[in-house]
């Protein structure tokens, strides 16, 4: 399993970077915050991180659902900041149960 914490929001081309990561492992545990809807103004959401300007990409759950489909993977999430792209099918509650220990 490959871990990729707080990295996706720094990728210029997330699809290309994901392709590279998948050459190492078909199981990627990652963290990134999903942006809220409606999208807040830059001064209203801490994750924009305007003070350092390093976050250049922001995602929704449907983004990772799309990527999982594109690469024939399953996608699991705690709905906020911890996510799994994997070739393995898990019981529906397994990832939510595991991820509650990450808080």
C-alpha atoms as a PDB file:
ATOM      1  CA  UNK A   1       0.000   0.000   0.000  1.00  0.00           C
ATOM      2  CA  UNK A   2       1.185   3.463  -0.859  1.00  0.00           C
ATOM      3  CA  UNK A   3       0.362   6.396   1.409  1.00  0.00           C
ATOM      4  CA  UNK A   4      -0.070   9.872   0.004  1.00  0.00           C
ATOM      5  CA  UNK A   5      -0.903  12.340   2.760  1.00  0.00           C
ATOM      6  CA  UNK A   6      -1.650  15.971   1.946  1.00  0.00           C
ATOM      7  CA  UNK A   7      -0.140  15.696  -1.550  1.00  0.00           C
ATOM      8  CA  UNK A   8      -2.972  15.694  -4.129  1.00  0.00           C
ATOM      9  CA  UNK A   9      -3.736  19.365  -3.540  1.00  0.00           C
ATOM     10  CA  UNK A  10      -0.168  20.163  -4.687  1.00  0.00           C
ATOM     11  CA  UNK A  11      -0.325  18.273  -8.018  1.00  0.00           C
ATOM     12  CA  UNK A  12      -0.501  20.345 -11.204  1.00  0.00           C
ATOM     13  CA  UNK A  13      -1.903  17.324 -13.085  1.00  0.00           C
ATOM     14  CA  UNK A  14      -3.524  14.908 -10.597  1.00  0.00           C
ATOM     15  CA  UNK A  15      -4.455  12.306 -13.249  1.00  0.00           C
ATOM     16  CA  UNK A  16      -0.869  11.995 -14.493  1.00  0.00           C
ATOM     17  CA  UNK A  17       0.459  11.859 -10.935  1.00  0.00           C
ATOM     18  CA  UNK A  18      -2.078   9.184 -10.015  1.00  0.00           C
ATOM     19  CA  UNK A  19      -1.000   7.125 -13.031  1.00  0.00           C
ATOM     20  CA  UNK A  20       2.577   7.289 -11.749  1.00  0.00           C
ATOM     21  CA  UNK A  21       1.533   6.322  -8.220  1.00  0.00           C
ATOM     22  CA  UNK A  22      -0.475   3.357  -9.497  1.00  0.00           C
ATOM     23  CA  UNK A  23       2.680   1.923 -11.075  1.00  0.00           C
ATOM     24  CA  UNK A  24       3.961   1.477  -7.522  1.00  0.00           C
ATOM     25  CA  UNK A  25       0.754   0.202  -5.913  1.00  0.00           C
ATOM     26  CA  UNK A  26      -2.906  -0.315  -6.792  1.00  0.00           C
ATOM     27  CA  UNK A  27      -3.806   0.570  -3.202  1.00  0.00           C
ATOM     28  CA  UNK A  28      -3.402   4.207  -2.175  1.00  0.00           C
ATOM     29  CA  UNK A  29      -4.388   5.614   1.195  1.00  0.00           C
ATOM     30  CA  UNK A  30      -4.541   9.387   0.883  1.00  0.00           C
ATOM     31  CA  UNK A  31      -5.655  12.487   2.657  1.00  0.00           C
ATOM     32  CA  UNK A  32      -7.054  15.701   1.284  1.00  0.00           C
ATOM     33  CA  UNK A  33     -10.020  17.797   2.369  1.00  0.00           C
ATOM     34  CA  UNK A  34     -13.133  17.784   0.215  1.00  0.00           C
ATOM     35  CA  UNK A  35     -14.231  21.314  -0.497  1.00  0.00           C
ATOM     36  CA  UNK A  36     -17.593  22.325   0.906  1.00  0.00           C
ATOM     37  CA  UNK A  37     -20.571  23.262  -1.238  1.00  0.00           C
ATOM     38  CA  UNK A  38     -21.160  25.945  -2.091  1.00  0.00           C
ATOM     39  CA  UNK A  39     -17.485  26.709  -2.586  1.00  0.00           C
ATOM     40  CA  UNK A  40     -16.534  29.333   0.007  1.00  0.00           C
ATOM     41  CA  UNK A  41     -14.618  32.521  -0.645  1.00  0.00           C
ATOM     42  CA  UNK A  42     -10.852  32.176  -0.184  1.00  0.00           C
ATOM     43  CA  UNK A  43     -10.936  33.907   3.214  1.00  0.00           C
ATOM     44  CA  UNK A  44     -13.730  31.612   4.480  1.00  0.00           C
ATOM     45  CA  UNK A  45     -12.077  28.168   4.241  1.00  0.00           C
ATOM     46  CA  UNK A  46      -8.815  27.389   6.002  1.00  0.00           C
ATOM     47  CA  UNK A  47      -7.783  24.749   3.452  1.00  0.00           C
ATOM     48  CA  UNK A  48      -7.258  27.299   0.694  1.00  0.00           C
ATOM     49  CA  UNK A  49      -4.108  28.135   2.695  1.00  0.00           C
ATOM     50  CA  UNK A  50      -3.750  31.546   1.127  1.00  0.00           C
ATOM     51  CA  UNK A  51      -0.857  32.441   3.427  1.00  0.00           C
ATOM     52  CA  UNK A  52       1.507  30.043   1.649  1.00  0.00           C
ATOM     53  CA  UNK A  53      -0.261  29.515  -1.683  1.00  0.00           C
ATOM     54  CA  UNK A  54       0.862  25.918  -2.130  1.00  0.00           C
ATOM     55  CA  UNK A  55      -2.552  24.291  -2.534  1.00  0.00           C
ATOM     56  CA  UNK A  56      -3.374  24.456  -6.230  1.00  0.00           C
ATOM     57  CA  UNK A  57      -6.038  21.740  -6.525  1.00  0.00           C
ATOM     58  CA  UNK A  58      -9.207  21.064  -4.560  1.00  0.00           C
ATOM     59  CA  UNK A  59     -11.485  18.069  -4.805  1.00  0.00           C
ATOM     60  CA  UNK A  60     -14.936  16.694  -4.196  1.00  0.00           C
ATOM     61  CA  UNK A  61     -15.949  13.120  -3.488  1.00  0.00           C
ATOM     62  CA  UNK A  62     -17.197  12.781  -7.066  1.00  0.00           C
ATOM     63  CA  UNK A  63     -13.687  13.627  -8.330  1.00  0.00           C
ATOM     64  CA  UNK A  64     -12.241  10.542  -6.662  1.00  0.00           C
ATOM     65  CA  UNK A  65     -15.234   8.433  -7.696  1.00  0.00           C
ATOM     66  CA  UNK A  66     -14.424   9.416 -11.281  1.00  0.00           C
ATOM     67  CA  UNK A  67     -10.714   8.626 -10.863  1.00  0.00           C
ATOM     68  CA  UNK A  68     -11.516   5.256  -9.314  1.00  0.00           C
ATOM     69  CA  UNK A  69     -13.717   4.391 -12.291  1.00  0.00           C
ATOM     70  CA  UNK A  70     -11.100   5.583 -14.763  1.00  0.00           C
ATOM     71  CA  UNK A  71      -8.485   3.267 -13.247  1.00  0.00           C
ATOM     72  CA  UNK A  72     -10.827   0.358 -12.369  1.00  0.00           C
ATOM     73  CA  UNK A  73     -10.458   0.863  -8.636  1.00  0.00           C
ATOM     74  CA  UNK A  74     -12.795   1.058  -5.684  1.00  0.00           C
ATOM     75  CA  UNK A  75     -13.051   4.303  -3.751  1.00  0.00           C
ATOM     76  CA  UNK A  76     -13.737   4.549  -0.033  1.00  0.00           C
ATOM     77  CA  UNK A  77     -13.847   7.682   2.091  1.00  0.00           C
ATOM     78  CA  UNK A  78     -14.640   8.892   5.562  1.00  0.00           C
ATOM     79  CA  UNK A  79     -16.463  11.716   3.766  1.00  0.00           C
ATOM     80  CA  UNK A  80     -14.041  14.389   4.797  1.00  0.00           C
ATOM     81  CA  UNK A  81     -10.280  13.930   4.683  1.00  0.00           C
ATOM     82  CA  UNK A  82      -9.203  10.279   4.565  1.00  0.00           C
ATOM     83  CA  UNK A  83      -9.658   8.237   1.394  1.00  0.00           C
ATOM     84  CA  UNK A  84      -8.687   4.923  -0.150  1.00  0.00           C
ATOM     85  CA  UNK A  85      -8.290   4.020  -3.812  1.00  0.00           C
ATOM     86  CA  UNK A  86      -7.890   0.262  -4.031  1.00  0.00           C
ATOM     87  CA  UNK A  87      -8.184  -2.755  -6.252  1.00  0.00           C
ATOM     88  CA  UNK A  88      -9.866  -4.598  -3.377  1.00  0.00           C
ATOM     89  CA  UNK A  89     -13.561  -4.616  -2.677  1.00  0.00           C
ATOM     90  CA  UNK A  90     -14.259  -3.965   0.998  1.00  0.00           C
ATOM     91  CA  UNK A  91     -17.415  -4.500   3.026  1.00  0.00           C
ATOM     92  CA  UNK A  92     -19.407  -1.236   2.921  1.00  0.00           C
ATOM     93  CA  UNK A  93     -18.715  -0.235   6.529  1.00  0.00           C
ATOM     94  CA  UNK A  94     -15.092  -1.436   6.744  1.00  0.00           C
ATOM     95  CA  UNK A  95     -13.327   1.751   5.684  1.00  0.00           C
ATOM     96  CA  UNK A  96     -15.582   4.020   7.740  1.00  0.00           C
ATOM     97  CA  UNK A  97     -14.912   1.805  10.762  1.00  0.00           C
ATOM     98  CA  UNK A  98     -11.136   1.849  10.179  1.00  0.00           C
ATOM     99  CA  UNK A  99     -11.008   5.579   9.496  1.00  0.00           C
ATOM    100  CA  UNK A 100     -12.780   6.595  12.684  1.00  0.00           C
ATOM    101  CA  UNK A 101      -9.553   5.775  14.516  1.00  0.00           C
ATOM    102  CA  UNK A 102      -7.722   8.430  12.485  1.00  0.00           C
ATOM    103  CA  UNK A 103      -9.441  11.354  14.202  1.00  0.00           C
END
